[in-house]
Amino acid sequence: MKVRYIAVNDNEDTDKGLSDFVPFKNLINEFMAKDTSRKIKGAFRAKFLNGERVNMMAPLGYMKHPEIKNKLMIDEETAWIVRKIFDLAFHGMGAKRIAEALMDEKVLCPGWFQYTRNGGCARFFEGQPEEKRYMWSQTYLKNILKDETYIGNTVHNRLAAVSYKNKKVVRNPQEKWLRIEGTHEAIISQEVFEAVQEQIASRRRECKNKRTQIFAGLLRCADCGWMMRYGIQSSARKQYAYYTCGKYRDYQTRGCTTHYIRYDTLYAYVLARIQHWSARAIQDEETLLRQLLSAGDRERNAAQKKQAAELKKAGKRKGELDGLFAKLYEDWAAGRITEYNFNMLTAKYQTEQSELAEKIDTLTAELDAVKQTENDARKWIDLIRQYADPTELTAPLLNALIEKIVVHQSIEGEDGEQEQEIEIFYRFIGKID
């Protein structure tokens, strides 16, 4: 089929023959399109680096600042919903259960706020029953729980067009994302957000018997660090559950050893330890606080003394280098050393100075971190008081109080009985048993 091309502005017609300038015009037009695309991307990047958000709509919990362009501010009318969602996730709920909880409590969904405020999402709510305004999407909840917007960050370049010629949108790998921190006020604390991400990464699933594994994501092998795997022994007269090392399960003796522990044994031990510390927190909070602080004092004090000694030594050496630099310059100015030796020693001392400055900053930060110990201990005591005298273990309780449980390989004791060590690392305070 013959196609006739006519360009009125350029006075071109294929029936009359194209001029010799057509290929050059096409090349120039392509260069202009590419250059325009580059300039637009550059302009957006400059806005991003300046902490501006150019999104059309503000996410749930925020609203556009009425005075500052491309700036978010907290929307108090909806921010409490975001806090509730993260609180439920922090205590072990997945997106499905969170959605059910919000619908049971008749919490309005984001679409309803858009509809009542600016008429958005009208096709979803006009003429629909009242229950529609409380319908929460699991996908939307999953996106909220992973969104760094709620800790004050803005992440750009998650999606991008293939090129200025192809407008197909593809997802960029994380190394290409542009993360700008502190662009607006956070709704959720960094600690809660990171804890929720850990929960998502080790999401527990229901077994065939509809039983949720409350220890999922918490149990680790003491020797290889792999997650423990859940299993059910059904060949015995009485069915029972157990955990074994995940690496052993996959690779047998080439990977690790069994680290076998029965579910009921683990359950009873963990419940007993939590009941113990809960009772201590209720009976005498201050005594417990002193004990928690002293539990790691021996190791902490030894490490602190070593860090303080290294910091003092590094500071002293830094002062000596400053004096050596002054003397070195005087010797060079007086002609007592050659310029070659002066440059060589200068480079050597400058390298050592840089290494010392980095070491001093690291040691100072480590010593400052020790001061946070008492605050963390108080946080944990306040947390365990919320679960006063528990009679059973649940996923929310375990995830709120415990960071991880390390299971060791059982050994035969002197009396011939099997002995097995279980280490519980609590949130904020670590191992205290």
Protein backbone atom coordinates (compact mmCIF):
# COMPACT_ATOMS: atom_id res chain seq x y z
CA MET A 1 0.00 0.00 0.00
CA LYS A 2 1.37 3.42 -0.95
CA VAL A 3 1.41 6.12 1.73
CA ARG A 4 1.54 9.77 0.81
CA TYR A 5 3.22 12.07 3.35
CA ILE A 6 2.38 15.81 3.35
CA ALA A 7 3.95 18.36 5.76
CA VAL A 8 2.23 21.71 5.17
CA ASN A 9 4.52 23.85 7.36
CA ASP A 10 7.66 22.36 5.82
CA ASN A 11 6.20 22.33 2.31
CA GLU A 12 6.93 18.65 1.83
CA ASP A 13 4.96 16.19 -0.33
CA THR A 14 6.17 12.70 -1.21
CA ASP A 15 4.36 12.83 -4.56
CA LYS A 16 6.52 15.80 -5.53
CA GLY A 17 9.65 14.34 -4.00
CA LEU A 18 11.22 15.09 -0.58
CA SER A 19 13.93 17.70 -0.18
CA ASP A 20 17.45 16.79 0.98
CA PHE A 21 16.84 18.54 4.31
CA VAL A 22 14.17 16.09 5.56
CA PRO A 23 16.66 13.61 7.21
CA PHE A 24 18.40 16.53 8.98
CA LYS A 25 15.07 17.90 10.22
CA ASN A 26 14.12 14.50 11.60
CA LEU A 27 17.46 14.24 13.39
CA ILE A 28 17.11 17.74 14.88
CA ASN A 29 13.55 16.98 16.03
CA GLU A 30 14.75 13.81 17.76
CA PHE A 31 17.55 15.72 19.48
CA MET A 32 15.04 18.33 20.68
CA ALA A 33 12.73 15.64 22.11
CA LYS A 34 15.64 13.98 23.90
CA ASP A 35 16.96 17.29 25.25
CA THR A 36 13.49 18.33 26.45
CA SER A 37 13.10 15.00 28.26
CA ARG A 38 16.50 15.45 29.92
CA LYS A 39 15.65 19.00 31.06
CA ILE A 40 12.29 17.93 32.51
CA LYS A 41 13.94 15.10 34.45
CA GLY A 42 16.58 17.53 35.70
CA ALA A 43 13.93 19.99 36.87
CA PHE A 44 12.07 17.26 38.75
CA ARG A 45 15.28 15.97 40.33
CA ALA A 46 16.10 19.45 41.59
CA LYS A 47 12.65 19.63 43.21
CA PHE A 48 13.14 16.19 44.75
CA LEU A 49 16.52 17.09 46.22
CA ASN A 50 14.96 20.22 47.68
CA GLY A 51 12.50 18.04 49.59
CA GLU A 52 9.45 18.89 47.47
CA ARG A 53 6.63 16.41 46.77
CA VAL A 54 5.02 16.86 43.37
CA ASN A 55 2.33 14.21 43.79
CA MET A 56 -1.17 15.11 42.73
CA MET A 57 -2.73 13.89 45.99
CA ALA A 58 -1.57 13.61 49.59
CA PRO A 59 -1.50 10.09 51.12
CA LEU A 60 -3.84 9.08 53.93
CA GLY A 61 -2.93 10.90 57.13
CA TYR A 62 -1.54 13.95 55.34
CA MET A 63 -2.84 16.98 53.50
CA LYS A 64 -1.18 19.49 51.19
CA HIS A 65 0.23 22.49 53.01
CA PRO A 66 -2.03 25.49 52.37
CA GLU A 67 0.87 27.97 52.25
CA ILE A 68 3.98 26.05 51.15
CA LYS A 69 3.84 24.56 47.67
CA ASN A 70 4.77 20.86 47.30
CA LYS A 71 4.82 20.37 51.07
CA LEU A 72 2.86 17.92 53.26
CA MET A 73 1.42 18.50 56.70
CA ILE A 74 -0.33 16.07 59.06
CA ASP A 75 -4.11 15.77 58.67
CA GLU A 76 -5.29 15.16 62.23
CA GLU A 77 -8.68 13.97 61.00
CA THR A 78 -7.10 10.89 59.37
CA ALA A 79 -3.65 10.55 60.98
CA TRP A 80 -5.08 8.51 63.87
CA ILE A 81 -6.19 5.87 61.34
CA VAL A 82 -2.61 5.47 60.10
CA ARG A 83 -1.34 5.16 63.67
CA LYS A 84 -3.98 2.52 64.38
CA ILE A 85 -3.03 0.53 61.27
CA PHE A 86 0.64 0.48 62.25
CA ASP A 87 -0.21 -0.35 65.86
CA LEU A 88 -2.24 -3.38 64.75
CA ALA A 89 0.58 -4.47 62.43
CA PHE A 90 3.15 -3.96 65.20
CA HIS A 91 1.17 -6.36 67.38
CA GLY A 92 1.23 -9.12 64.77
CA MET A 93 -1.77 -8.54 62.50
CA GLY A 94 -1.52 -8.96 58.74
CA ALA A 95 -3.34 -6.90 56.12
CA LYS A 96 -6.36 -9.22 56.07
CA ARG A 97 -6.94 -9.08 59.82
CA ILE A 98 -6.31 -5.33 59.92
CA ALA A 99 -8.93 -4.81 57.20
CA GLU A 100 -11.41 -6.93 59.16
CA ALA A 101 -10.71 -5.00 62.38
CA LEU A 102 -11.19 -1.63 60.68
CA MET A 103 -14.45 -2.75 59.06
CA ASP A 104 -15.73 -4.17 62.36
CA GLU A 105 -15.03 -0.84 64.06
CA LYS A 106 -16.58 1.05 61.11
CA VAL A 107 -13.48 3.11 60.35
CA LEU A 108 -14.03 5.18 57.21
CA CYS A 109 -11.88 4.21 54.22
CA PRO A 110 -9.64 6.71 52.32
CA GLY A 111 -11.96 6.78 49.30
CA TRP A 112 -14.83 8.05 51.44
CA PHE A 113 -12.72 11.00 52.65
CA GLN A 114 -11.96 11.91 49.02
CA TYR A 115 -15.64 11.64 48.12
CA THR A 116 -16.84 13.88 50.97
CA ARG A 117 -14.04 16.43 50.58
CA ASN A 118 -13.68 16.95 46.85
CA GLY A 119 -16.13 14.60 45.13
CA GLY A 120 -13.47 12.06 44.16
CA CYS A 121 -14.30 8.35 43.84
CA ALA A 122 -17.96 9.28 43.31
CA ARG A 123 -18.63 6.21 41.15
CA PHE A 124 -17.80 3.96 44.11
CA PHE A 125 -20.12 5.58 46.66
CA GLU A 126 -23.05 7.23 44.89
CA GLY A 127 -26.12 5.11 45.36
CA GLN A 128 -24.18 2.45 47.27
CA PRO A 129 -25.09 0.99 50.69
CA GLU A 130 -23.53 2.46 53.84
CA GLU A 131 -21.21 -0.56 54.28
CA LYS A 132 -19.27 0.58 51.20
CA ARG A 133 -17.67 3.48 53.08
CA TYR A 134 -16.05 1.04 55.55
CA MET A 135 -14.59 -1.33 52.95
CA TRP A 136 -10.79 -1.47 53.22
CA SER A 137 -8.55 -2.94 50.52
CA GLN A 138 -5.83 -5.33 51.67
CA THR A 139 -3.56 -4.12 48.87
CA TYR A 140 -3.99 -0.52 50.02
CA LEU A 141 -3.14 -1.51 53.60
CA LYS A 142 0.00 -3.36 52.46
CA ASN A 143 1.12 -0.24 50.58
CA ILE A 144 0.56 1.93 53.68
CA LEU A 145 2.64 -0.41 55.85
CA LYS A 146 5.58 -0.23 53.42
CA ASP A 147 5.36 3.50 52.71
CA GLU A 148 8.28 5.53 54.11
CA THR A 149 6.16 8.66 53.81
CA TYR A 150 4.88 7.92 57.31
CA ILE A 151 8.37 8.24 58.86
CA GLY A 152 8.99 11.58 57.13
CA ASN A 153 10.80 10.34 54.02
CA THR A 154 9.97 10.75 50.34
CA VAL A 155 11.06 8.07 47.86
CA HIS A 156 11.19 8.97 44.16
CA ASN A 157 11.99 7.10 40.93
CA ARG A 158 10.23 3.89 41.89
CA LEU A 159 8.70 3.89 38.42
CA ALA A 160 10.10 5.27 35.18
CA ALA A 161 9.37 5.36 31.47
CA VAL A 162 11.53 3.11 29.28
CA SER A 163 12.78 6.14 27.29
CA TYR A 164 11.62 9.42 25.83
CA LYS A 165 10.44 7.42 22.82
CA ASN A 166 8.70 4.62 24.71
CA LYS A 167 6.26 5.75 27.42
CA LYS A 168 5.83 2.26 28.87
CA VAL A 169 6.28 2.50 32.65
CA VAL A 170 8.52 -0.05 34.40
CA ARG A 171 9.51 -0.56 38.04
CA ASN A 172 13.06 0.53 38.88
CA PRO A 173 15.33 -1.60 41.11
CA GLN A 174 15.83 -0.18 44.62
CA GLU A 175 19.38 1.00 43.89
CA LYS A 176 17.90 3.51 41.42
CA TRP A 177 15.40 4.95 43.91
CA LEU A 178 15.99 8.46 45.20
CA ARG A 179 15.31 8.62 48.94
CA ILE A 180 15.07 12.05 50.59
CA GLU A 181 14.81 11.94 54.38
CA GLY A 182 13.03 14.42 56.63
CA THR A 183 10.90 16.11 53.98
CA HIS A 184 7.90 16.44 56.33
CA GLU A 185 6.71 15.59 59.83
CA ALA A 186 6.49 11.86 60.59
CA ILE A 187 3.32 10.15 61.83
CA ILE A 188 5.03 6.87 62.77
CA SER A 189 8.30 6.45 64.69
CA GLN A 190 11.30 4.83 63.02
CA GLU A 191 11.31 2.01 65.59
CA VAL A 192 7.69 1.03 64.93
CA PHE A 193 8.15 1.23 61.15
CA GLU A 194 11.25 -1.02 61.20
CA ALA A 195 9.51 -3.51 63.50
CA VAL A 196 6.56 -3.69 61.08
CA GLN A 197 8.92 -4.29 58.14
CA GLU A 198 10.46 -7.20 60.06
CA GLN A 199 6.97 -8.56 60.64
CA ILE A 200 6.17 -8.31 56.91
CA ALA A 201 9.44 -10.02 55.95
CA SER A 202 8.65 -12.98 58.21
CA ARG A 203 4.88 -13.02 57.74
CA ARG A 204 3.23 -15.98 59.45
CA ARG A 205 0.74 -18.10 57.55
CA GLU A 206 -2.09 -20.33 58.62
CA CYS A 207 -1.45 -24.08 58.54
CA LYS A 208 -3.88 -26.60 57.09
CA ASN A 209 -5.46 -26.96 60.52
CA LYS A 210 -6.22 -23.18 60.50
CA ARG A 211 -3.69 -22.66 63.28
CA THR A 212 -1.45 -19.60 63.02
CA GLN A 213 2.17 -20.14 64.05
CA ILE A 214 2.70 -17.57 66.79
CA PHE A 215 6.49 -18.12 66.85
CA ALA A 216 6.92 -17.58 63.10
CA GLY A 217 9.72 -15.12 62.35
CA LEU A 218 11.07 -15.24 65.91
CA LEU A 219 12.88 -18.59 66.16
CA ARG A 220 16.49 -18.89 64.98
CA CYS A 221 19.10 -21.63 65.05
CA ALA A 222 21.93 -20.79 67.46
CA ASP A 223 24.65 -22.26 65.21
CA CYS A 224 23.80 -21.26 61.63
CA GLY A 225 21.31 -18.42 62.23
CA TRP A 226 18.64 -19.85 59.93
CA MET A 227 14.97 -19.68 60.79
CA MET A 228 13.49 -22.70 62.57
CA ARG A 229 10.93 -24.70 60.56
CA TYR A 230 7.58 -25.85 61.91
CA GLY A 231 6.50 -29.46 61.55
CA ILE A 232 3.86 -31.90 62.82
CA GLN A 233 4.62 -35.44 64.00
CA SER A 234 1.55 -37.43 63.00
CA SER A 235 2.90 -40.97 63.13
CA ALA A 236 2.85 -41.13 66.92
CA ARG A 237 -0.23 -42.05 68.91
CA LYS A 238 -0.68 -38.44 69.91
CA GLN A 239 -0.02 -35.79 67.31
CA TYR A 240 2.37 -33.01 68.35
CA ALA A 241 4.19 -30.09 66.73
CA TYR A 242 7.89 -29.32 66.74
CA TYR A 243 10.57 -27.04 65.27
CA THR A 244 13.87 -27.95 63.57
CA CYS A 245 16.67 -25.93 61.99
CA GLY A 246 15.70 -24.75 58.50
CA LYS A 247 19.19 -25.33 57.12
CA TYR A 248 19.22 -28.89 58.47
CA ARG A 249 15.77 -29.46 56.94
CA ASP A 250 17.07 -28.39 53.51
CA TYR A 251 20.59 -29.84 53.53
CA GLN A 252 20.54 -32.46 56.30
CA THR A 253 23.98 -33.16 57.84
CA ARG A 254 25.76 -31.05 55.20
CA GLY A 255 24.12 -27.91 56.57
CA CYS A 256 23.62 -28.00 60.35
CA THR A 257 22.23 -30.19 63.14
CA THR A 258 18.55 -30.68 64.01
CA HIS A 259 18.18 -28.26 66.96
CA TYR A 260 14.91 -30.13 67.50
CA ILE A 261 12.48 -28.73 70.08
CA ARG A 262 8.86 -29.60 70.72
CA TYR A 263 6.28 -26.86 70.37
CA ASP A 264 4.70 -27.51 73.77
CA THR A 265 8.12 -27.39 75.50
CA LEU A 266 8.99 -24.09 73.85
CA TYR A 267 5.53 -22.65 74.55
CA ALA A 268 5.67 -23.52 78.25
CA TYR A 269 9.16 -22.08 78.72
CA VAL A 270 8.48 -18.77 76.94
CA LEU A 271 5.14 -18.30 78.75
CA ALA A 272 6.80 -18.96 82.11
CA ARG A 273 9.54 -16.37 81.46
CA ILE A 274 7.07 -13.71 80.34
CA GLN A 275 4.85 -14.40 83.36
CA HIS A 276 7.92 -14.06 85.59
CA TRP A 277 8.98 -10.70 84.21
CA SER A 278 5.38 -9.43 84.09
CA ALA A 279 4.94 -10.20 87.79
CA ARG A 280 8.25 -8.50 88.60
CA ALA A 281 7.22 -5.38 86.69
CA ILE A 282 3.92 -5.15 88.59
CA GLN A 283 5.39 -5.86 92.04
CA ASP A 284 8.40 -3.53 92.03
CA GLU A 285 9.16 -1.57 88.90
CA GLU A 286 12.20 0.28 90.25
CA THR A 287 13.91 -2.88 91.52
CA LEU A 288 13.36 -4.52 88.16
CA LEU A 289 14.78 -1.47 86.39
CA ARG A 290 17.95 -1.63 88.50
CA GLN A 291 18.28 -5.34 87.77
CA LEU A 292 17.85 -4.84 84.03
CA LEU A 293 20.48 -2.12 84.04
CA SER A 294 22.91 -4.24 86.06
CA ALA A 295 22.26 -7.45 84.07
CA GLY A 296 24.58 -6.33 81.31
CA ASP A 297 26.74 -4.04 83.41
CA ARG A 298 29.76 -6.35 83.51
CA GLU A 299 30.03 -6.71 79.75
CA ARG A 300 28.84 -3.17 79.12
CA ASN A 301 31.28 -1.63 81.59
CA ALA A 302 34.19 -3.63 80.20
CA ALA A 303 33.36 -2.53 76.67
CA GLN A 304 32.83 1.05 77.84
CA LYS A 305 36.22 1.15 79.59
CA LYS A 306 37.92 -0.22 76.51
CA GLN A 307 36.18 2.32 74.24
CA ALA A 308 37.01 5.20 76.63
CA ALA A 309 40.67 4.14 76.73
CA GLU A 310 40.84 3.93 72.94
CA LEU A 311 39.13 7.32 72.63
CA LYS A 312 41.64 8.90 75.05
CA LYS A 313 44.55 7.31 73.17
CA ALA A 314 43.21 8.50 69.81
CA GLY A 315 42.68 12.03 71.13
CA LYS A 316 46.20 12.13 72.54
CA ARG A 317 47.69 10.95 69.25
CA LYS A 318 45.67 13.55 67.35
CA GLY A 319 47.16 16.26 69.57
CA GLU A 320 50.65 14.89 68.95
CA LEU A 321 50.06 15.01 65.19
CA ASP A 322 48.98 18.63 65.39
CA GLY A 323 52.27 19.42 67.18
CA LEU A 324 54.29 17.41 64.65
CA PHE A 325 52.67 19.32 61.79
CA ALA A 326 53.68 22.66 63.36
CA LYS A 327 57.28 21.48 63.95
CA LEU A 328 57.45 19.95 60.48
CA TYR A 329 56.45 23.24 58.89
CA GLU A 330 59.06 25.14 60.93
CA ASP A 331 61.80 22.68 59.86
CA TRP A 332 60.77 23.02 56.20
CA ALA A 333 60.62 26.82 56.42
CA ALA A 334 64.07 26.91 58.04
CA GLY A 335 65.51 24.61 55.38
CA ARG A 336 66.30 21.79 57.82
CA ILE A 337 64.36 19.24 55.66
CA THR A 338 63.89 18.96 51.93
CA GLU A 339 60.60 19.69 50.18
CA TYR A 340 60.40 16.02 49.15
CA ASN A 341 60.57 14.84 52.77
CA PHE A 342 58.15 17.57 53.82
CA ASN A 343 55.54 16.43 51.26
CA MET A 344 56.05 12.74 52.10
CA LEU A 345 55.62 13.26 55.86
CA THR A 346 52.70 15.62 55.33
CA ALA A 347 50.82 12.99 53.30
CA LYS A 348 51.57 10.35 55.95
CA TYR A 349 50.38 12.50 58.84
CA GLN A 350 47.26 13.65 56.97
CA THR A 351 46.27 10.03 56.31
CA GLU A 352 46.71 9.18 59.98
CA GLN A 353 44.73 12.27 60.99
CA SER A 354 41.80 11.23 58.81
CA GLU A 355 41.81 7.71 60.25
CA LEU A 356 41.95 9.09 63.80
CA ALA A 357 39.07 11.52 63.16
CA GLU A 358 36.89 8.66 61.87
CA LYS A 359 37.85 6.46 64.83
CA ILE A 360 37.07 9.24 67.34
CA ASP A 361 33.63 9.80 65.79
CA THR A 362 32.85 6.05 65.94
CA LEU A 363 33.97 5.67 69.57
CA THR A 364 32.05 8.79 70.63
CA ALA A 365 28.87 7.46 69.01
CA GLU A 366 29.30 4.07 70.73
CA LEU A 367 29.78 5.71 74.13
CA ASP A 368 26.72 7.92 73.58
CA ALA A 369 24.65 4.81 72.75
CA VAL A 370 25.26 3.48 76.27
CA LYS A 371 23.29 6.42 77.68
CA GLN A 372 20.20 5.12 75.86
CA THR A 373 20.19 1.93 77.95
CA GLU A 374 17.99 3.25 80.79
CA ASN A 375 15.41 4.69 78.40
CA ASP A 376 15.20 1.35 76.58
CA ALA A 377 14.76 -0.53 79.87
CA ARG A 378 11.89 1.75 80.88
CA LYS A 379 10.26 1.27 77.47
CA TRP A 380 10.32 -2.50 77.91
CA ILE A 381 8.93 -2.34 81.45
CA ASP A 382 6.05 -0.13 80.26
CA LEU A 383 5.45 -2.60 77.45
CA ILE A 384 5.35 -5.75 79.60
CA ARG A 385 3.04 -4.06 82.12
CA GLN A 386 0.48 -3.85 79.31
CA TYR A 387 0.40 -7.67 79.28
CA ALA A 388 -0.07 -8.18 83.02
CA ASP A 389 -0.16 -11.84 84.13
CA PRO A 390 -0.70 -13.46 80.69
CA THR A 391 -2.30 -16.91 80.69
CA GLU A 392 -1.54 -17.74 77.05
CA LEU A 393 0.80 -16.70 74.28
CA THR A 394 -0.41 -14.85 71.20
CA ALA A 395 1.34 -13.47 68.13
CA PRO A 396 0.68 -9.83 69.16
CA LEU A 397 2.12 -10.43 72.63
CA LEU A 398 5.25 -12.22 71.37
CA ASN A 399 5.98 -9.68 68.64
CA ALA A 400 5.52 -6.77 71.02
CA LEU A 401 7.88 -8.11 73.70
CA ILE A 402 10.39 -10.37 71.93
CA GLU A 403 12.90 -9.62 69.21
CA LYS A 404 14.10 -13.21 68.65
CA ILE A 405 14.39 -16.63 70.33
CA VAL A 406 17.61 -18.57 69.77
CA VAL A 407 17.42 -22.37 70.04
CA HIS A 408 20.58 -24.40 70.79
CA GLN A 409 21.26 -28.04 69.98
CA SER A 410 20.30 -30.29 72.88
CA ILE A 411 23.10 -32.12 74.71
CA GLU A 412 23.21 -35.00 77.16
CA GLY A 413 23.75 -33.90 80.75
CA GLU A 414 25.75 -35.62 83.46
CA ASP A 415 22.62 -37.42 84.68
CA GLY A 416 21.90 -38.74 81.19
CA GLU A 417 18.98 -36.36 80.62
CA GLN A 418 18.78 -34.14 77.55
CA GLU A 419 19.49 -30.45 78.23
CA GLN A 420 18.73 -27.63 75.82
CA GLU A 421 19.44 -23.92 76.06
CA ILE A 422 16.88 -21.39 74.83
CA GLU A 423 17.87 -17.72 74.68
CA ILE A 424 15.16 -15.05 74.63
CA PHE A 425 16.17 -11.62 73.35
CA TYR A 426 13.58 -9.03 74.34
CA ARG A 427 12.91 -5.82 72.48
CA PHE A 428 14.89 -2.78 73.63
CA ILE A 429 16.90 -4.67 76.29
CA GLY A 430 18.18 -7.87 74.66
CA LYS A 431 18.93 -11.00 76.69
CA ILE A 432 18.22 -10.78 80.45
CA ASP A 433 17.43 -14.38 81.52
